[in-house]
Protein backbone atom coordinates (compact mmCIF):
# COMPACT_ATOMS: atom_id res chain seq x y z
CA GLN A 1 -16.55 -7.12 9.01
CA ALA A 2 -13.33 -6.62 7.06
CA GLN A 3 -10.78 -4.14 8.62
CA LEU A 4 -7.50 -2.76 7.39
CA VAL A 5 -5.07 -0.85 9.72
CA GLU A 6 -2.06 0.82 8.16
CA SER A 7 1.00 1.88 10.16
CA GLY A 8 4.51 2.95 9.50
CA GLY A 9 4.09 6.50 7.98
CA GLY A 10 6.19 9.42 9.05
CA LEU A 11 8.39 12.40 8.16
CA VAL A 12 11.62 11.51 6.28
CA GLN A 13 14.11 13.32 4.07
CA ALA A 14 14.53 12.81 0.33
CA GLY A 15 16.40 9.65 -0.46
CA ASP A 16 15.33 7.88 2.82
CA SER A 17 13.45 4.68 3.11
CA LEU A 18 10.14 3.91 4.78
CA ARG A 19 8.20 0.66 5.28
CA LEU A 20 4.46 0.68 5.55
CA SER A 21 2.47 -2.11 6.98
CA CYS A 22 -1.31 -3.00 6.73
CA ALA A 23 -2.79 -5.49 9.17
CA ALA A 24 -5.96 -7.28 7.99
CA PHE A 25 -8.73 -8.40 10.14
CA GLY A 26 -12.18 -10.08 9.81
CA PHE A 27 -11.72 -11.92 6.41
CA ALA A 28 -9.83 -14.76 4.81
CA PHE A 29 -6.79 -12.78 3.91
CA GLY A 30 -5.27 -15.47 1.71
CA LEU A 31 -8.12 -15.38 -0.76
CA TYR A 32 -7.59 -11.79 -1.69
CA GLY A 33 -5.32 -9.52 -3.53
CA MET A 34 -4.19 -6.39 -1.82
CA GLY A 35 -3.05 -3.05 -2.83
CA TRP A 36 -1.64 0.34 -1.85
CA PHE A 37 -2.82 3.71 -3.07
CA ARG A 38 -2.01 7.28 -2.14
CA GLN A 39 -3.66 10.69 -2.20
CA ALA A 40 -1.75 13.88 -2.11
CA PRO A 41 -3.40 17.21 -1.08
CA GLY A 42 -5.66 18.46 -3.82
CA GLU A 43 -5.14 15.33 -5.88
CA GLU A 44 -7.14 12.21 -6.72
CA ARG A 45 -6.32 9.02 -5.08
CA GLU A 46 -3.87 6.95 -7.23
CA PHE A 47 -2.78 3.49 -7.49
CA VAL A 48 0.70 2.64 -6.29
CA ALA A 49 1.09 -1.21 -6.10
CA ALA A 50 -0.77 -4.42 -5.84
CA VAL A 51 -0.04 -8.10 -5.03
CA GLY A 52 -2.03 -11.18 -5.88
CA ARG A 53 -3.55 -13.38 -3.22
CA ASP A 54 -0.63 -15.72 -2.95
CA GLY A 55 1.95 -12.96 -2.91
CA GLY A 56 3.50 -14.25 -6.15
CA SER A 57 2.36 -11.64 -8.62
CA THR A 58 2.89 -7.88 -8.35
CA ARG A 59 2.18 -4.74 -10.31
CA TYR A 60 3.29 -1.15 -9.89
CA ALA A 61 2.62 2.25 -11.04
CA ASP A 62 5.35 3.69 -13.11
CA SER A 63 6.09 6.17 -10.27
CA ALA A 64 6.77 3.20 -7.96
CA LYS A 65 8.71 0.88 -10.21
CA GLY A 66 12.26 0.33 -9.03
CA ARG A 67 11.82 2.04 -5.81
CA PHE A 68 8.84 0.45 -4.08
CA THR A 69 8.30 -3.15 -3.29
CA ILE A 70 4.93 -4.68 -2.15
CA SER A 71 4.86 -8.04 -0.27
CA LYS A 72 2.10 -10.16 1.30
CA ASP A 73 2.47 -12.41 4.19
CA ASN A 74 -0.62 -14.76 4.47
CA ALA A 75 0.59 -16.26 7.75
CA LYS A 76 0.60 -12.89 9.42
CA ASN A 77 -2.31 -11.29 7.62
CA THR A 78 -0.22 -8.36 6.58
CA VAL A 79 0.76 -6.55 3.47
CA THR A 80 3.79 -4.25 3.35
CA LEU A 81 5.08 -1.50 1.02
CA GLN A 82 8.92 -0.96 1.19
CA MET A 83 9.59 2.49 -0.17
CA ASN A 84 13.20 3.45 -1.06
CA SER A 85 14.75 6.59 -2.53
CA LEU A 86 11.79 8.54 -1.42
CA LYS A 87 11.06 11.85 -3.23
CA PRO A 88 9.10 15.03 -2.05
CA GLU A 89 6.48 14.07 -4.72
CA ASP A 90 5.82 10.81 -2.75
CA THR A 91 4.28 12.97 -0.01
CA ALA A 92 0.60 11.66 0.44
CA VAL A 93 -1.76 9.75 2.64
CA TYR A 94 -1.13 6.04 1.80
CA TYR A 95 -4.03 3.63 1.91
CA CYS A 96 -4.23 -0.14 1.95
CA ALA A 97 -7.05 -1.80 0.06
CA ARG A 98 -8.57 -5.17 -0.53
CA GLU A 99 -9.17 -6.30 -4.08
CA ARG A 100 -12.69 -7.42 -4.78
CA LEU A 101 -12.84 -11.31 -4.81
CA GLY A 102 -12.18 -12.58 -8.34
CA ILE A 103 -12.33 -9.09 -10.06
CA LEU A 104 -8.95 -7.44 -10.86
CA ASP A 105 -8.54 -3.82 -10.03
CA GLU A 106 -11.71 -3.32 -8.17
CA TRP A 107 -11.34 -2.55 -4.45
CA ASP A 108 -13.90 -3.04 -1.72
CA TYR A 109 -12.36 -2.19 1.59
CA TRP A 110 -9.93 0.53 2.53
CA GLY A 111 -7.92 1.42 5.64
CA GLN A 112 -7.89 4.77 7.31
CA GLY A 113 -4.50 5.81 5.69
CA THR A 114 -1.08 6.71 7.02
CA GLN A 115 0.70 9.93 6.25
CA VAL A 116 3.97 10.01 4.51
CA THR A 117 5.83 13.34 4.23
CA VAL A 118 9.11 13.52 2.42
CA SER A 119 11.08 16.70 2.82
CA SER A 120 13.55 18.02 0.41
């Protein structure tokens, strides 16, 4: 059974940085693309960033471009999201997700989420 466990959330001030990590268990991590999503109160879950199975290709939401960096370490079964220049509008629960094998932009497993709060 696949399992994803996020960590690294917290309360920071605007302009600060935060690094989220997602540890993967129970599946062949190197075969899968991975992604990060977020959901703010009263909002729908939205895409933030994704990385290909080998870690070489990345894509970002416009809101994340230039500030966030996603990376994948297949040796450690982890995917990270480095977030810089955080803004209050980045406040949300952040979720790690596994991309469905061979199908771009479909996600089949999700972590439990980690809260990120950015104060102004």
